[in-house]
PDB file of N, CA and C in Angstrom:
ATOM      1  N   MET A   1       7.970 -10.745   7.076  1.00  0.00           N
ATOM      2  CA  MET A   1       6.824 -10.255   6.598  1.00  0.00           C
ATOM      3  C   MET A   1       6.443  -9.483   4.955  1.00  0.00           C
ATOM      4  N   PHE A   2       6.115 -10.551   4.573  1.00  0.00           N
ATOM      5  CA  PHE A   2       6.042 -10.063   3.209  1.00  0.00           C
ATOM      6  C   PHE A   2       4.458  -9.867   2.343  1.00  0.00           C
ATOM      7  N   ILE A   3       4.398  -9.243   1.474  1.00  0.00           N
ATOM      8  CA  ILE A   3       3.443  -8.705   1.318  1.00  0.00           C
ATOM      9  C   ILE A   3       3.264  -8.565  -0.203  1.00  0.00           C
ATOM     10  N   LYS A   4       2.304  -9.279  -0.963  1.00  0.00           N
ATOM     11  CA  LYS A   4       2.588  -9.111  -2.667  1.00  0.00           C
ATOM     12  C   LYS A   4       1.513  -7.458  -3.344  1.00  0.00           C
ATOM     13  N   PHE A   5       2.476  -6.579  -3.784  1.00  0.00           N
ATOM     14  CA  PHE A   5       1.466  -6.106  -4.737  1.00  0.00           C
ATOM     15  C   PHE A   5       1.525  -6.653  -6.225  1.00  0.00           C
ATOM     16  N   GLY A   6       0.541  -6.742  -6.873  1.00  0.00           N
ATOM     17  CA  GLY A   6       0.729  -7.247  -8.407  1.00  0.00           C
ATOM     18  C   GLY A   6       1.324  -8.343  -8.887  1.00  0.00           C
ATOM     19  N   GLN A   7       1.754  -8.507  -9.473  1.00  0.00           N
ATOM     20  CA  GLN A   7       2.235 -10.010  -9.664  1.00  0.00           C
ATOM     21  C   GLN A   7       3.560 -10.256  -8.948  1.00  0.00           C
ATOM     22  N   GLN A   8       4.293  -9.617  -9.667  1.00  0.00           N
ATOM     23  CA  GLN A   8       5.882  -9.823  -8.942  1.00  0.00           C
ATOM     24  C   GLN A   8       6.393  -9.217  -7.987  1.00  0.00           C
ATOM     25  N   LEU A   9       6.164  -7.729  -7.806  1.00  0.00           N
ATOM     26  CA  LEU A   9       6.623  -7.075  -6.851  1.00  0.00           C
ATOM     27  C   LEU A   9       5.924  -7.946  -4.939  1.00  0.00           C
ATOM     28  N   TRP A  10       6.666  -7.561  -4.069  1.00  0.00           N
ATOM     29  CA  TRP A  10       6.707  -8.500  -3.169  1.00  0.00           C
ATOM     30  C   TRP A  10       7.789  -6.989  -1.620  1.00  0.00           C
ATOM     31  N   ILE A  11       6.948  -6.935  -1.292  1.00  0.00           N
ATOM     32  CA  ILE A  11       7.495  -5.647  -0.247  1.00  0.00           C
ATOM     33  C   ILE A  11       7.204  -6.682   1.381  1.00  0.00           C
ATOM     34  N   ASN A  12       8.556  -5.880   1.914  1.00  0.00           N
ATOM     35  CA  ASN A  12       8.855  -6.626   3.626  1.00  0.00           C
ATOM     36  C   ASN A  12       7.818  -5.642   4.295  1.00  0.00           C
ATOM     37  N   THR A  13       7.018  -5.303   5.059  1.00  0.00           N
ATOM     38  CA  THR A  13       5.986  -4.939   6.052  1.00  0.00           C
ATOM     39  C   THR A  13       6.901  -4.384   6.926  1.00  0.00           C
ATOM     40  N   GLN A  14       7.608  -4.844   7.305  1.00  0.00           N
ATOM     41  CA  GLN A  14       8.504  -4.289   8.331  1.00  0.00           C
ATOM     42  C   GLN A  14       9.289  -2.636   7.273  1.00  0.00           C
ATOM     43  N   HIS A  15       9.328  -2.759   6.358  1.00  0.00           N
ATOM     44  CA  HIS A  15       9.863  -1.408   5.615  1.00  0.00           C
ATOM     45  C   HIS A  15       8.407  -0.347   5.170  1.00  0.00           C
ATOM     46  N   ILE A  16       8.004  -0.602   5.599  1.00  0.00           N
ATOM     47  CA  ILE A  16       6.764   0.362   5.477  1.00  0.00           C
ATOM     48  C   ILE A  16       6.652   1.123   5.954  1.00  0.00           C
ATOM     49  N   GLU A  17       6.709   2.911   5.346  1.00  0.00           N
ATOM     50  CA  GLU A  17       6.839   3.862   6.361  1.00  0.00           C
ATOM     51  C   GLU A  17       5.532   4.573   6.496  1.00  0.00           C
ATOM     52  N   SER A  18       4.890   4.210   4.838  1.00  0.00           N
ATOM     53  CA  SER A  18       3.412   4.741   5.322  1.00  0.00           C
ATOM     54  C   SER A  18       2.594   4.852   3.606  1.00  0.00           C
ATOM     55  N   ILE A  19       1.477   5.038   3.652  1.00  0.00           N
ATOM     56  CA  ILE A  19       0.676   4.886   2.369  1.00  0.00           C
ATOM     57  C   ILE A  19       0.257   6.186   2.439  1.00  0.00           C
ATOM     58  N   CYS A  20       0.000   6.353   1.543  1.00  0.00           N
ATOM     59  CA  CYS A  20      -1.262   7.646   0.973  1.00  0.00           C
ATOM     60  C   CYS A  20      -2.131   7.154  -0.005  1.00  0.00           C
ATOM     61  N   ILE A  21      -2.879   8.576   0.153  1.00  0.00           N
ATOM     62  CA  ILE A  21      -3.821   8.487  -1.686  1.00  0.00           C
ATOM     63  C   ILE A  21      -3.415   9.803  -2.166  1.00  0.00           C
ATOM     64  N   SER A  22      -3.171  10.244  -3.288  1.00  0.00           N
ATOM     65  CA  SER A  22      -2.871  11.345  -4.153  1.00  0.00           C
ATOM     66  C   SER A  22      -4.093  11.676  -5.215  1.00  0.00           C
ATOM     67  N   GLY A  23      -4.561  13.590  -5.184  1.00  0.00           N
ATOM     68  CA  GLY A  23      -5.301  13.618  -5.419  1.00  0.00           C
ATOM     69  C   GLY A  23      -6.022  13.261  -6.906  1.00  0.00           C
ATOM     70  N   ASN A  24      -5.030  11.964  -7.496  1.00  0.00           N
ATOM     71  CA  ASN A  24      -6.095  11.624  -8.552  1.00  0.00           C
ATOM     72  C   ASN A  24      -6.574   9.566  -8.310  1.00  0.00           C
ATOM     73  N   ASN A  25      -7.070   9.488  -6.481  1.00  0.00           N
ATOM     74  CA  ASN A  25      -7.290   8.242  -5.845  1.00  0.00           C
ATOM     75  C   ASN A  25      -6.140   7.223  -6.487  1.00  0.00           C
ATOM     76  N   GLU A  26      -5.363   7.632  -6.537  1.00  0.00           N
ATOM     77  CA  GLU A  26      -3.777   6.495  -6.378  1.00  0.00           C
ATOM     78  C   GLU A  26      -3.811   6.162  -4.816  1.00  0.00           C
ATOM     79  N   VAL A  27      -3.388   4.881  -4.699  1.00  0.00           N
ATOM     80  CA  VAL A  27      -2.953   4.513  -2.758  1.00  0.00           C
ATOM     81  C   VAL A  27      -1.186   4.854  -3.731  1.00  0.00           C
ATOM     82  N   ARG A  28      -0.147   4.741  -2.946  1.00  0.00           N
ATOM     83  CA  ARG A  28       0.903   4.223  -3.057  1.00  0.00           C
ATOM     84  C   ARG A  28       1.694   3.789  -1.536  1.00  0.00           C
ATOM     85  N   VAL A  29       2.460   3.425  -1.624  1.00  0.00           N
ATOM     86  CA  VAL A  29       3.482   2.716  -0.607  1.00  0.00           C
ATOM     87  C   VAL A  29       4.389   3.576  -1.008  1.00  0.00           C
ATOM     88  N   PHE A  30       4.836   3.675   0.654  1.00  0.00           N
ATOM     89  CA  PHE A  30       6.373   4.794   0.759  1.00  0.00           C
ATOM     90  C   PHE A  30       7.265   3.204   1.787  1.00  0.00           C
ATOM     91  N   ILE A  31       8.973   3.395   1.470  1.00  0.00           N
ATOM     92  CA  ILE A  31       9.325   2.366   1.849  1.00  0.00           C
ATOM     93  C   ILE A  31      10.058   3.185   2.575  1.00  0.00           C
ATOM     94  N   ILE A  32      10.763   2.991   3.579  1.00  0.00           N
ATOM     95  CA  ILE A  32      11.732   3.795   4.620  1.00  0.00           C
ATOM     96  C   ILE A  32      13.546   4.094   3.326  1.00  0.00           C
ATOM     97  N   ASN A  33      13.187   5.163   3.681  1.00  0.00           N
ATOM     98  CA  ASN A  33      14.832   5.227   3.798  1.00  0.00           C
ATOM     99  C   ASN A  33      14.480   4.946   2.154  1.00  0.00           C
ATOM    100  N   ARG A  34      13.564   5.870   0.936  1.00  0.00           N
ATOM    101  CA  ARG A  34      13.890   5.511   0.239  1.00  0.00           C
ATOM    102  C   ARG A  34      13.396   6.622  -0.895  1.00  0.00           C
ATOM    103  N   ASP A  35      14.014   6.802  -1.627  1.00  0.00           N
ATOM    104  CA  ASP A  35      12.580   7.738  -2.762  1.00  0.00           C
ATOM    105  C   ASP A  35      12.002   7.753  -3.399  1.00  0.00           C
ATOM    106  N   VAL A  36      12.272   6.294  -3.695  1.00  0.00           N
ATOM    107  CA  VAL A  36      10.387   5.017  -4.039  1.00  0.00           C
ATOM    108  C   VAL A  36       9.645   5.259  -3.940  1.00  0.00           C
ATOM    109  N   SER A  37       8.109   5.710  -4.912  1.00  0.00           N
ATOM    110  CA  SER A  37       7.213   4.769  -4.171  1.00  0.00           C
ATOM    111  C   SER A  37       6.174   3.627  -4.874  1.00  0.00           C
ATOM    112  N   TYR A  38       5.424   2.680  -4.066  1.00  0.00           N
ATOM    113  CA  TYR A  38       5.261   1.735  -5.420  1.00  0.00           C
ATOM    114  C   TYR A  38       3.327   2.302  -5.213  1.00  0.00           C
ATOM    115  N   LYS A  39       3.336   2.441  -6.297  1.00  0.00           N
ATOM    116  CA  LYS A  39       1.716   2.402  -6.865  1.00  0.00           C
ATOM    117  C   LYS A  39       1.195   1.175  -6.305  1.00  0.00           C
ATOM    118  N   CYS A  40      -0.035   0.999  -6.084  1.00  0.00           N
ATOM    119  CA  CYS A  40      -0.735  -0.498  -5.386  1.00  0.00           C
ATOM    120  C   CYS A  40      -2.441  -0.588  -6.202  1.00  0.00           C
ATOM    121  N   GLY A  41      -2.636   0.939  -6.839  1.00  0.00           N
ATOM    122  CA  GLY A  41      -4.419   1.185  -7.712  1.00  0.00           C
ATOM    123  C   GLY A  41      -4.117   2.251  -7.956  1.00  0.00           C
ATOM    124  N   ILE A  42      -5.329   2.314  -8.606  1.00  0.00           N
ATOM    125  CA  ILE A  42      -5.531   3.459  -8.949  1.00  0.00           C
ATOM    126  C   ILE A  42      -7.381   3.115  -8.784  1.00  0.00           C
ATOM    127  N   TYR A  43      -7.894   4.095  -8.218  1.00  0.00           N
ATOM    128  CA  TYR A  43      -9.703   3.523  -7.648  1.00  0.00           C
ATOM    129  C   TYR A  43     -10.133   5.396  -8.253  1.00  0.00           C
ATOM    130  N   ASP A  44     -12.308   4.643  -8.714  1.00  0.00           N
ATOM    131  CA  ASP A  44     -12.726   5.438  -9.188  1.00  0.00           C
ATOM    132  C   ASP A  44     -12.802   6.684  -8.857  1.00  0.00           C
ATOM    133  N   THR A  45     -13.347   6.779  -7.555  1.00  0.00           N
ATOM    134  CA  THR A  45     -13.241   7.805  -6.276  1.00  0.00           C
ATOM    135  C   THR A  45     -12.849   8.071  -5.183  1.00  0.00           C
ATOM    136  N   TYR A  46     -12.426   9.318  -3.657  1.00  0.00           N
ATOM    137  CA  TYR A  46     -11.912   8.710  -2.749  1.00  0.00           C
ATOM    138  C   TYR A  46     -12.756   7.355  -1.967  1.00  0.00           C
ATOM    139  N   ARG A  47     -13.625   7.253  -1.917  1.00  0.00           N
ATOM    140  CA  ARG A  47     -14.424   6.145  -1.387  1.00  0.00           C
ATOM    141  C   ARG A  47     -13.260   4.269  -1.499  1.00  0.00           C
ATOM    142  N   GLU A  48     -13.585   3.932  -2.499  1.00  0.00           N
ATOM    143  CA  GLU A  48     -13.022   2.957  -2.817  1.00  0.00           C
ATOM    144  C   GLU A  48     -11.230   3.573  -3.394  1.00  0.00           C
ATOM    145  N   ALA A  49     -10.843   3.965  -2.798  1.00  0.00           N
ATOM    146  CA  ALA A  49      -9.129   4.181  -2.301  1.00  0.00           C
ATOM    147  C   ALA A  49      -9.353   4.497  -1.093  1.00  0.00           C
ATOM    148  N   VAL A  50      -9.879   4.285   0.067  1.00  0.00           N
ATOM    149  CA  VAL A  50      -9.936   4.703   1.236  1.00  0.00           C
ATOM    150  C   VAL A  50     -10.213   2.979   1.707  1.00  0.00           C
ATOM    151  N   ASN A  51     -11.235   2.730   1.123  1.00  0.00           N
ATOM    152  CA  ASN A  51     -11.527   1.217   1.545  1.00  0.00           C
ATOM    153  C   ASN A  51     -10.469   0.242   0.884  1.00  0.00           C
ATOM    154  N   ALA A  52      -9.422   0.569  -0.310  1.00  0.00           N
ATOM    155  CA  ALA A  52      -8.453  -0.202  -0.552  1.00  0.00           C
ATOM    156  C   ALA A  52      -7.584   0.196   0.778  1.00  0.00           C
ATOM    157  N   VAL A  53      -6.858   0.964   1.035  1.00  0.00           N
ATOM    158  CA  VAL A  53      -6.058   1.099   1.908  1.00  0.00           C
ATOM    159  C   VAL A  53      -6.368   0.719   3.066  1.00  0.00           C
ATOM    160  N   ASN A  54      -7.497   0.187   3.757  1.00  0.00           N
ATOM    161  CA  ASN A  54      -8.351  -0.354   5.112  1.00  0.00           C
ATOM    162  C   ASN A  54      -7.723  -1.599   4.608  1.00  0.00           C
ATOM    163  N   GLU A  55      -7.827  -1.862   3.114  1.00  0.00           N
ATOM    164  CA  GLU A  55      -7.803  -3.681   3.109  1.00  0.00           C
ATOM    165  C   GLU A  55      -6.214  -3.813   3.161  1.00  0.00           C
ATOM    166  N   LEU A  56      -5.424  -2.927   2.728  1.00  0.00           N
ATOM    167  CA  LEU A  56      -4.010  -3.013   2.534  1.00  0.00           C
ATOM    168  C   LEU A  56      -3.293  -3.591   4.179  1.00  0.00           C
ATOM    169  N   VAL A  57      -4.221  -2.696   4.854  1.00  0.00           N
ATOM    170  CA  VAL A  57      -3.656  -2.064   6.218  1.00  0.00           C
ATOM    171  C   VAL A  57      -3.668  -3.457   6.704  1.00  0.00           C
ATOM    172  N   GLU A  58      -5.468  -4.007   7.094  1.00  0.00           N
ATOM    173  CA  GLU A  58      -5.855  -5.106   7.560  1.00  0.00           C
ATOM    174  C   GLU A  58      -5.090  -6.667   6.749  1.00  0.00           C
ATOM    175  N   ARG A  59      -4.556  -6.752   5.594  1.00  0.00           N
ATOM    176  CA  ARG A  59      -3.650  -7.669   5.369  1.00  0.00           C
ATOM    177  C   ARG A  59      -1.907  -7.409   5.758  1.00  0.00           C
ATOM    178  N   ILE A  60      -1.518  -6.287   6.180  1.00  0.00           N
ATOM    179  CA  ILE A  60      -0.160  -5.693   6.384  1.00  0.00           C
ATOM    180  C   ILE A  60      -0.728  -6.990   8.196  1.00  0.00           C
ATOM    181  N   ASN A  61      -1.816  -5.850   9.018  1.00  0.00           N
ATOM    182  CA  ASN A  61      -1.736  -6.454  10.510  1.00  0.00           C
ATOM    183  C   ASN A  61      -1.840  -7.867   9.961  1.00  0.00           C
ATOM    184  N   LYS A  62      -2.768  -8.383   9.023  1.00  0.00           N
ATOM    185  CA  LYS A  62      -2.634 -10.433  10.084  1.00  0.00           C
ATOM    186  C   LYS A  62      -1.088 -10.825   9.108  1.00  0.00           C
ATOM    187  N   GLU A  63      -0.336 -10.259   8.364  1.00  0.00           N
ATOM    188  CA  GLU A  63       0.868 -10.893   8.582  1.00  0.00           C
ATOM    189  C   GLU A  63       2.134 -10.716   9.246  1.00  0.00           C
ATOM    190  N   LYS A  64       1.830  -9.668  10.208  1.00  0.00           N
ATOM    191  CA  LYS A  64       1.815  -9.296  11.189  1.00  0.00           C
ATOM    192  C   LYS A  64       2.358  -9.883  12.462  1.00  0.00           C
ATOM    193  N   GLU A  65       0.777 -10.893  12.309  1.00  0.00           N
ATOM    194  CA  GLU A  65       0.728 -11.372  13.505  1.00  0.00           C
ATOM    195  C   GLU A  65       1.280 -12.946  13.573  1.00  0.00           C
TER     196      GLU A  65
END
């Protein structure tokens, strides 16, 4: 199952290790066995970043069904 980030990046949902929110409200996705992470977006508030993560998790869960 793949999920789309931005206009061209597709990530296999089975390879997602974690999703985090950094200090500047930036949401990033980390991939298993990779030293790189992918930026999903930067938000004005922490609450907006949390909402974005929740939406992302919902999308991933729907893809897995």
